[in-house]
PDB file of all heavy atoms in Angstrom:
ATOM      1  N   SER A   1       0.833  -1.202  -0.006  1.00  0.00           N
ATOM      2  CA  SER A   1      -0.007   0.015   0.005  1.00  0.00           C
ATOM      3  C   SER A   1       0.849   1.262  -0.003  1.00  0.00           C
ATOM      4  O   SER A   1       0.606   2.213  -0.757  1.00  0.00           O
ATOM      5  CB  SER A   1      -0.910  -0.008   1.222  1.00  0.00           C
ATOM      6  OG  SER A   1      -1.679   1.190   1.311  1.00  0.00           O
ATOM      7  N   VAL A   2       1.885   1.289   0.845  1.00  0.00           N
ATOM      8  CA  VAL A   2       2.763   2.432   0.924  1.00  0.00           C
ATOM      9  C   VAL A   2       3.508   2.624  -0.412  1.00  0.00           C
ATOM     10  O   VAL A   2       3.640   3.740  -0.919  1.00  0.00           O
ATOM     11  CB  VAL A   2       3.772   2.270   2.103  1.00  0.00           C
ATOM     12  CG1 VAL A   2       4.872   3.290   2.023  1.00  0.00           C
ATOM     13  CG2 VAL A   2       3.027   2.364   3.424  1.00  0.00           C
ATOM     14  N   TRP A   3       4.007   1.530  -0.928  1.00  0.00           N
ATOM     15  CA  TRP A   3       4.747   1.564  -2.189  1.00  0.00           C
ATOM     16  C   TRP A   3       3.857   2.114  -3.312  1.00  0.00           C
ATOM     17  O   TRP A   3       4.271   2.973  -4.081  1.00  0.00           O
ATOM     18  CB  TRP A   3       5.250   0.185  -2.521  1.00  0.00           C
ATOM     19  CG  TRP A   3       5.867   0.090  -3.914  1.00  0.00           C
ATOM     20  CD1 TRP A   3       5.330  -0.501  -5.004  1.00  0.00           C
ATOM     21  CD2 TRP A   3       7.161   0.568  -4.312  1.00  0.00           C
ATOM     22  NE1 TRP A   3       6.179  -0.379  -6.072  1.00  0.00           N
ATOM     23  CE2 TRP A   3       7.301   0.280  -5.685  1.00  0.00           C
ATOM     24  CE3 TRP A   3       8.157   1.267  -3.655  1.00  0.00           C
ATOM     25  CZ2 TRP A   3       8.456   0.616  -6.403  1.00  0.00           C
ATOM     26  CZ3 TRP A   3       9.300   1.624  -4.387  1.00  0.00           C
ATOM     27  CH2 TRP A   3       9.432   1.289  -5.714  1.00  0.00           C
ATOM     28  N   SER A   4       2.611   1.618  -3.414  1.00  0.00           N
ATOM     29  CA  SER A   4       1.712   2.062  -4.450  1.00  0.00           C
ATOM     30  C   SER A   4       1.397   3.540  -4.324  1.00  0.00           C
ATOM     31  O   SER A   4       1.332   4.273  -5.305  1.00  0.00           O
ATOM     32  CB  SER A   4       0.413   1.251  -4.410  1.00  0.00           C
ATOM     33  OG  SER A   4       0.651  -0.130  -4.686  1.00  0.00           O
ATOM     34  N   ALA A   5       1.178   3.997  -3.079  1.00  0.00           N
ATOM     35  CA  ALA A   5       0.913   5.425  -2.842  1.00  0.00           C
ATOM     36  C   ALA A   5       2.109   6.286  -3.237  1.00  0.00           C
ATOM     37  O   ALA A   5       1.958   7.345  -3.816  1.00  0.00           O
ATOM     38  CB  ALA A   5       0.559   5.634  -1.370  1.00  0.00           C
ATOM     39  N   GLY A   6       3.306   5.781  -2.911  1.00  0.00           N
ATOM     40  CA  GLY A   6       4.507   6.542  -3.289  1.00  0.00           C
ATOM     41  C   GLY A   6       4.688   6.641  -4.777  1.00  0.00           C
ATOM     42  O   GLY A   6       5.008   7.706  -5.313  1.00  0.00           O
ATOM     43  N   MET A   7       4.488   5.525  -5.463  1.00  0.00           N
ATOM     44  CA  MET A   7       4.634   5.566  -6.932  1.00  0.00           C
ATOM     45  C   MET A   7       3.558   6.448  -7.567  1.00  0.00           C
ATOM     46  O   MET A   7       3.862   7.168  -8.544  1.00  0.00           O
ATOM     47  CB  MET A   7       4.544   4.138  -7.456  1.00  0.00           C
ATOM     48  CG  MET A   7       5.735   3.264  -7.099  1.00  0.00           C
ATOM     49  SD  MET A   7       7.304   3.847  -7.742  1.00  0.00           S
ATOM     50  CE  MET A   7       7.125   3.360  -9.469  1.00  0.00           C
ATOM     51  N   ALA A   8       2.355   6.441  -7.043  1.00  0.00           N
ATOM     52  CA  ALA A   8       1.314   7.309  -7.545  1.00  0.00           C
ATOM     53  C   ALA A   8       1.687   8.792  -7.339  1.00  0.00           C
ATOM     54  O   ALA A   8       1.457   9.640  -8.226  1.00  0.00           O
ATOM     55  CB  ALA A   8      -0.023   7.002  -6.881  1.00  0.00           C
ATOM     56  N   ARG A   9       2.256   9.067  -6.187  1.00  0.00           N
ATOM     57  CA  ARG A   9       2.688  10.450  -5.916  1.00  0.00           C
ATOM     58  C   ARG A   9       3.797  10.861  -6.857  1.00  0.00           C
ATOM     59  O   ARG A   9       3.811  11.990  -7.355  1.00  0.00           O
ATOM     60  CB  ARG A   9       3.150  10.563  -4.474  1.00  0.00           C
ATOM     61  CG  ARG A   9       3.489  11.964  -4.040  1.00  0.00           C
ATOM     62  CD  ARG A   9       3.617  12.083  -2.550  1.00  0.00           C
ATOM     63  NE  ARG A   9       3.744  13.418  -2.142  1.00  0.00           N
ATOM     64  CZ  ARG A   9       3.715  13.858  -0.910  1.00  0.00           C
ATOM     65  NH1 ARG A   9       3.502  12.988   0.087  1.00  0.00           N
ATOM     66  NH2 ARG A   9       3.843  15.123  -0.601  1.00  0.00           N
ATOM     67  N   MET A  10       4.752   9.994  -7.106  1.00  0.00           N
ATOM     68  CA  MET A  10       5.791  10.283  -8.043  1.00  0.00           C
ATOM     69  C   MET A  10       5.256  10.540  -9.454  1.00  0.00           C
ATOM     70  O   MET A  10       5.637  11.491 -10.144  1.00  0.00           O
ATOM     71  CB  MET A  10       6.802   9.101  -8.082  1.00  0.00           C
ATOM     72  CG  MET A  10       7.655   8.961  -6.831  1.00  0.00           C
ATOM     73  SD  MET A  10       9.024  10.126  -6.765  1.00  0.00           S
ATOM     74  CE  MET A  10      10.091   9.479  -8.073  1.00  0.00           C
ATOM     75  N   THR A  11       4.326   9.695  -9.873  1.00  0.00           N
ATOM     76  CA  THR A  11       3.772   9.813 -11.236  1.00  0.00           C
ATOM     77  C   THR A  11       3.009  11.129 -11.350  1.00  0.00           C
ATOM     78  O   THR A  11       3.141  11.861 -12.352  1.00  0.00           O
ATOM     79  CB  THR A  11       2.861   8.606 -11.519  1.00  0.00           C
ATOM     80  OG1 THR A  11       3.611   7.393 -11.432  1.00  0.00           O
ATOM     81  CG2 THR A  11       2.266   8.729 -12.934  1.00  0.00           C
ATOM     82  N   SER A  12       2.132  11.421 -10.358  1.00  0.00           N
ATOM     83  CA  SER A  12       1.355  12.639 -10.467  1.00  0.00           C
ATOM     84  C   SER A  12       2.203  13.864 -10.333  1.00  0.00           C
ATOM     85  O   SER A  12       1.840  14.962 -10.826  1.00  0.00           O
ATOM     86  CB  SER A  12       0.263  12.639  -9.344  1.00  0.00           C
ATOM     87  OG  SER A  12       0.892  12.704  -8.077  1.00  0.00           O
ATOM     88  N   GLY A  13       3.389  13.741  -9.737  1.00  0.00           N
ATOM     89  CA  GLY A  13       4.336  14.871  -9.626  1.00  0.00           C
ATOM     90  C   GLY A  13       5.180  15.074 -10.843  1.00  0.00           C
ATOM     91  O   GLY A  13       6.050  15.952 -10.849  1.00  0.00           O
ATOM     92  N   GLY A  14       4.982  14.237 -11.871  1.00  0.00           N
ATOM     93  CA  GLY A  14       5.732  14.405 -13.112  1.00  0.00           C
ATOM     94  C   GLY A  14       7.061  13.723 -13.152  1.00  0.00           C
ATOM     95  O   GLY A  14       7.933  14.122 -13.923  1.00  0.00           O
ATOM     96  N   ALA A  15       7.266  12.701 -12.343  1.00  0.00           N
ATOM     97  CA  ALA A  15       8.546  11.995 -12.357  1.00  0.00           C
ATOM     98  C   ALA A  15       8.810  11.377 -13.733  1.00  0.00           C
ATOM     99  O   ALA A  15       7.892  10.868 -14.385  1.00  0.00           O
ATOM    100  CB  ALA A  15       8.575  10.912 -11.290  1.00  0.00           C
ATOM    101  N   ALA A  16      10.060  11.392 -14.138  1.00  0.00           N
ATOM    102  CA  ALA A  16      10.429  10.807 -15.427  1.00  0.00           C
ATOM    103  C   ALA A  16      10.311   9.303 -15.390  1.00  0.00           C
ATOM    104  O   ALA A  16      10.465   8.666 -14.328  1.00  0.00           O
ATOM    105  CB  ALA A  16      11.859  11.216 -15.767  1.00  0.00           C
ATOM    106  N   ALA A  17      10.067   8.701 -16.549  1.00  0.00           N
ATOM    107  CA  ALA A  17       9.922   7.247 -16.613  1.00  0.00           C
ATOM    108  C   ALA A  17      11.186   6.555 -16.138  1.00  0.00           C
ATOM    109  O   ALA A  17      11.130   5.520 -15.491  1.00  0.00           O
ATOM    110  CB  ALA A  17       9.588   6.840 -18.066  1.00  0.00           C
ATOM    111  N   ALA A  18      12.343   7.144 -16.447  1.00  0.00           N
ATOM    112  CA  ALA A  18      13.616   6.543 -16.023  1.00  0.00           C
ATOM    113  C   ALA A  18      13.696   6.528 -14.491  1.00  0.00           C
ATOM    114  O   ALA A  18      14.248   5.559 -13.933  1.00  0.00           O
ATOM    115  CB  ALA A  18      14.788   7.304 -16.615  1.00  0.00           C
ATOM    116  N   ASP A  19      13.203   7.557 -13.814  1.00  0.00           N
ATOM    117  CA  ASP A  19      13.240   7.595 -12.361  1.00  0.00           C
ATOM    118  C   ASP A  19      12.331   6.552 -11.769  1.00  0.00           C
ATOM    119  O   ASP A  19      12.659   5.898 -10.772  1.00  0.00           O
ATOM    120  CB  ASP A  19      12.834   8.983 -11.857  1.00  0.00           C
ATOM    121  CG  ASP A  19      13.882  10.046 -12.196  1.00  0.00           C
ATOM    122  OD1 ASP A  19      15.056   9.665 -12.422  1.00  0.00           O
ATOM    123  OD2 ASP A  19      13.527  11.249 -12.196  1.00  0.00           O
ATOM    124  N   LEU A  20      11.154   6.359 -12.356  1.00  0.00           N
ATOM    125  CA  LEU A  20      10.240   5.338 -11.893  1.00  0.00           C
ATOM    126  C   LEU A  20      10.806   3.944 -12.084  1.00  0.00           C
ATOM    127  O   LEU A  20      10.675   3.075 -11.225  1.00  0.00           O
ATOM    128  CB  LEU A  20       8.891   5.487 -12.605  1.00  0.00           C
ATOM    129  CG  LEU A  20       8.106   6.783 -12.362  1.00  0.00           C
ATOM    130  CD1 LEU A  20       6.862   6.836 -13.225  1.00  0.00           C
ATOM    131  CD2 LEU A  20       7.733   6.919 -10.905  1.00  0.00           C
ATOM    132  N   ASP A  21      11.475   3.745 -13.226  1.00  0.00           N
ATOM    133  CA  ASP A  21      12.109   2.478 -13.485  1.00  0.00           C
ATOM    134  C   ASP A  21      13.193   2.178 -12.456  1.00  0.00           C
ATOM    135  O   ASP A  21      13.401   1.046 -12.006  1.00  0.00           O
ATOM    136  CB  ASP A  21      12.697   2.429 -14.895  1.00  0.00           C
ATOM    137  CG  ASP A  21      11.631   2.321 -15.967  1.00  0.00           C
ATOM    138  OD1 ASP A  21      10.477   1.959 -15.643  1.00  0.00           O
ATOM    139  OD2 ASP A  21      11.944   2.602 -17.142  1.00  0.00           O
ATOM    140  N   LEU A  22      13.935   3.241 -12.082  1.00  0.00           N
ATOM    141  CA  LEU A  22      14.989   3.096 -11.042  1.00  0.00           C
ATOM    142  C   LEU A  22      14.413   2.643  -9.692  1.00  0.00           C
ATOM    143  O   LEU A  22      14.915   1.729  -9.058  1.00  0.00           O
ATOM    144  CB  LEU A  22      15.773   4.386 -10.902  1.00  0.00           C
ATOM    145  CG  LEU A  22      16.854   4.392  -9.809  1.00  0.00           C
ATOM    146  CD1 LEU A  22      17.936   3.356 -10.075  1.00  0.00           C
ATOM    147  CD2 LEU A  22      17.464   5.796  -9.700  1.00  0.00           C
ATOM    148  N   LEU A  23      13.302   3.269  -9.327  1.00  0.00           N
ATOM    149  CA  LEU A  23      12.667   2.892  -8.068  1.00  0.00           C
ATOM    150  C   LEU A  23      12.140   1.474  -8.114  1.00  0.00           C
ATOM    151  O   LEU A  23      12.259   0.735  -7.120  1.00  0.00           O
ATOM    152  CB  LEU A  23      11.520   3.871  -7.756  1.00  0.00           C
ATOM    153  CG  LEU A  23      11.931   5.286  -7.354  1.00  0.00           C
ATOM    154  CD1 LEU A  23      10.705   6.173  -7.241  1.00  0.00           C
ATOM    155  CD2 LEU A  23      12.751   5.287  -6.099  1.00  0.00           C
ATOM    156  N   ARG A  24      11.589   1.062  -9.238  1.00  0.00           N
ATOM    157  CA  ARG A  24      11.126  -0.315  -9.363  1.00  0.00           C
ATOM    158  C   ARG A  24      12.302  -1.305  -9.244  1.00  0.00           C
ATOM    159  O   ARG A  24      12.185  -2.360  -8.612  1.00  0.00           O
ATOM    160  CB  ARG A  24      10.385  -0.514 -10.710  1.00  0.00           C
ATOM    161  CG  ARG A  24       9.081   0.258 -10.787  1.00  0.00           C
ATOM    162  CD  ARG A  24       8.332  -0.094 -12.060  1.00  0.00           C
ATOM    163  NE  ARG A  24       7.140   0.708 -12.239  1.00  0.00           N
ATOM    164  CZ  ARG A  24       7.075   1.795 -13.036  1.00  0.00           C
ATOM    165  NH1 ARG A  24       8.141   2.143 -13.750  1.00  0.00           N
ATOM    166  NH2 ARG A  24       5.967   2.489 -13.116  1.00  0.00           N
ATOM    167  N   ALA A  25      13.418  -0.939  -9.881  1.00  0.00           N
ATOM    168  CA  ALA A  25      14.593  -1.810  -9.791  1.00  0.00           C
ATOM    169  C   ALA A  25      15.088  -1.908  -8.343  1.00  0.00           C
ATOM    170  O   ALA A  25      15.499  -2.995  -7.885  1.00  0.00           O
ATOM    171  CB  ALA A  25      15.693  -1.276 -10.721  1.00  0.00           C
ATOM    172  N   GLU A  26      15.062  -0.796  -7.637  1.00  0.00           N
ATOM    173  CA  GLU A  26      15.515  -0.809  -6.264  1.00  0.00           C
ATOM    174  C   GLU A  26      14.567  -1.634  -5.373  1.00  0.00           C
ATOM    175  O   GLU A  26      15.015  -2.354  -4.453  1.00  0.00           O
ATOM    176  CB  GLU A  26      15.602   0.613  -5.721  1.00  0.00           C
ATOM    177  CG  GLU A  26      16.775   1.402  -6.355  1.00  0.00           C
ATOM    178  CD  GLU A  26      16.805   2.836  -5.937  1.00  0.00           C
ATOM    179  OE1 GLU A  26      15.726   3.384  -5.532  1.00  0.00           O
ATOM    180  OE2 GLU A  26      17.870   3.458  -6.066  1.00  0.00           O
ATOM    181  N   GLN A  27      13.275  -1.620  -5.694  1.00  0.00           N
ATOM    182  CA  GLN A  27      12.336  -2.414  -4.942  1.00  0.00           C
ATOM    183  C   GLN A  27      12.576  -3.914  -5.177  1.00  0.00           C
ATOM    184  O   GLN A  27      12.532  -4.732  -4.281  1.00  0.00           O
ATOM    185  CB  GLN A  27      10.902  -2.055  -5.312  1.00  0.00           C
ATOM    186  CG  GLN A  27       9.832  -2.820  -4.544  1.00  0.00           C
ATOM    187  CD  GLN A  27       9.797  -2.487  -3.036  1.00  0.00           C
ATOM    188  OE1 GLN A  27      10.543  -1.619  -2.584  1.00  0.00           O
ATOM    189  NE2 GLN A  27       8.933  -3.187  -2.317  1.00  0.00           N
ATOM    190  N   ARG A  28      12.891  -4.260  -6.442  1.00  0.00           N
ATOM    191  CA  ARG A  28      13.217  -5.650  -6.736  1.00  0.00           C
ATOM    192  C   ARG A  28      14.484  -6.059  -5.986  1.00  0.00           C
ATOM    193  O   ARG A  28      14.617  -7.174  -5.518  1.00  0.00           O
ATOM    194  CB  ARG A  28      13.405  -5.850  -8.247  1.00  0.00           C
ATOM    195  CG  ARG A  28      12.086  -5.779  -9.040  1.00  0.00           C
ATOM    196  CD  ARG A  28      12.279  -6.256 -10.466  1.00  0.00           C
ATOM    197  NE  ARG A  28      13.202  -5.439 -11.213  1.00  0.00           N
ATOM    198  CZ  ARG A  28      12.828  -4.370 -11.942  1.00  0.00           C
ATOM    199  NH1 ARG A  28      11.559  -3.998 -11.991  1.00  0.00           N
ATOM    200  NH2 ARG A  28      13.733  -3.686 -12.604  1.00  0.00           N
ATOM    201  N   GLY A  29      15.429  -5.117  -5.879  1.00  0.00           N
ATOM    202  CA  GLY A  29      16.636  -5.423  -5.117  1.00  0.00           C
ATOM    203  C   GLY A  29      16.332  -5.666  -3.636  1.00  0.00           C
ATOM    204  O   GLY A  29      16.931  -6.543  -3.025  1.00  0.00           O
ATOM    205  N   TRP A  30      15.397  -4.875  -3.079  1.00  0.00           N
ATOM    206  CA  TRP A  30      15.012  -5.095  -1.719  1.00  0.00           C
ATOM    207  C   TRP A  30      14.365  -6.473  -1.519  1.00  0.00           C
ATOM    208  O   TRP A  30      14.668  -7.163  -0.544  1.00  0.00           O
ATOM    209  CB  TRP A  30      14.014  -4.018  -1.239  1.00  0.00           C
ATOM    210  CG  TRP A  30      13.484  -4.344   0.135  1.00  0.00           C
ATOM    211  CD1 TRP A  30      14.119  -4.111   1.322  1.00  0.00           C
ATOM    212  CD2 TRP A  30      12.292  -5.090   0.454  1.00  0.00           C
ATOM    213  NE1 TRP A  30      13.382  -4.613   2.347  1.00  0.00           N
ATOM    214  CE2 TRP A  30      12.274  -5.232   1.838  1.00  0.00           C
ATOM    215  CE3 TRP A  30      11.293  -5.628  -0.315  1.00  0.00           C
ATOM    216  CZ2 TRP A  30      11.234  -5.904   2.502  1.00  0.00           C
ATOM    217  CZ3 TRP A  30      10.239  -6.292   0.311  1.00  0.00           C
ATOM    218  CH2 TRP A  30      10.214  -6.410   1.717  1.00  0.00           C
ATOM    219  N   ILE A  31      13.536  -6.893  -2.469  1.00  0.00           N
ATOM    220  CA  ILE A  31      12.934  -8.200  -2.392  1.00  0.00           C
ATOM    221  C   ILE A  31      13.982  -9.298  -2.328  1.00  0.00           C
ATOM    222  O   ILE A  31      13.891 -10.252  -1.517  1.00  0.00           O
ATOM    223  CB  ILE A  31      11.945  -8.439  -3.562  1.00  0.00           C
ATOM    224  CG1 ILE A  31      10.729  -7.513  -3.433  1.00  0.00           C
ATOM    225  CG2 ILE A  31      11.513  -9.900  -3.626  1.00  0.00           C
ATOM    226  CD1 ILE A  31       9.821  -7.501  -4.617  1.00  0.00           C
ATOM    227  N   GLY A  32      15.024  -9.140  -3.135  1.00  0.00           N
ATOM    228  CA  GLY A  32      16.132 -10.097  -3.083  1.00  0.00           C
ATOM    229  C   GLY A  32      16.791 -10.099  -1.740  1.00  0.00           C
ATOM    230  O   GLY A  32      17.132 -11.178  -1.207  1.00  0.00           O
TER     231      GLY A  32
END
């Protein structure tokens, strides 16, 4: 829930696609 809210906030704030991809990659790293 927190992650989804954060990504929604980033997207609505105009974050670049590359920045969103970086955050997703970091989240996958955390899962590992």
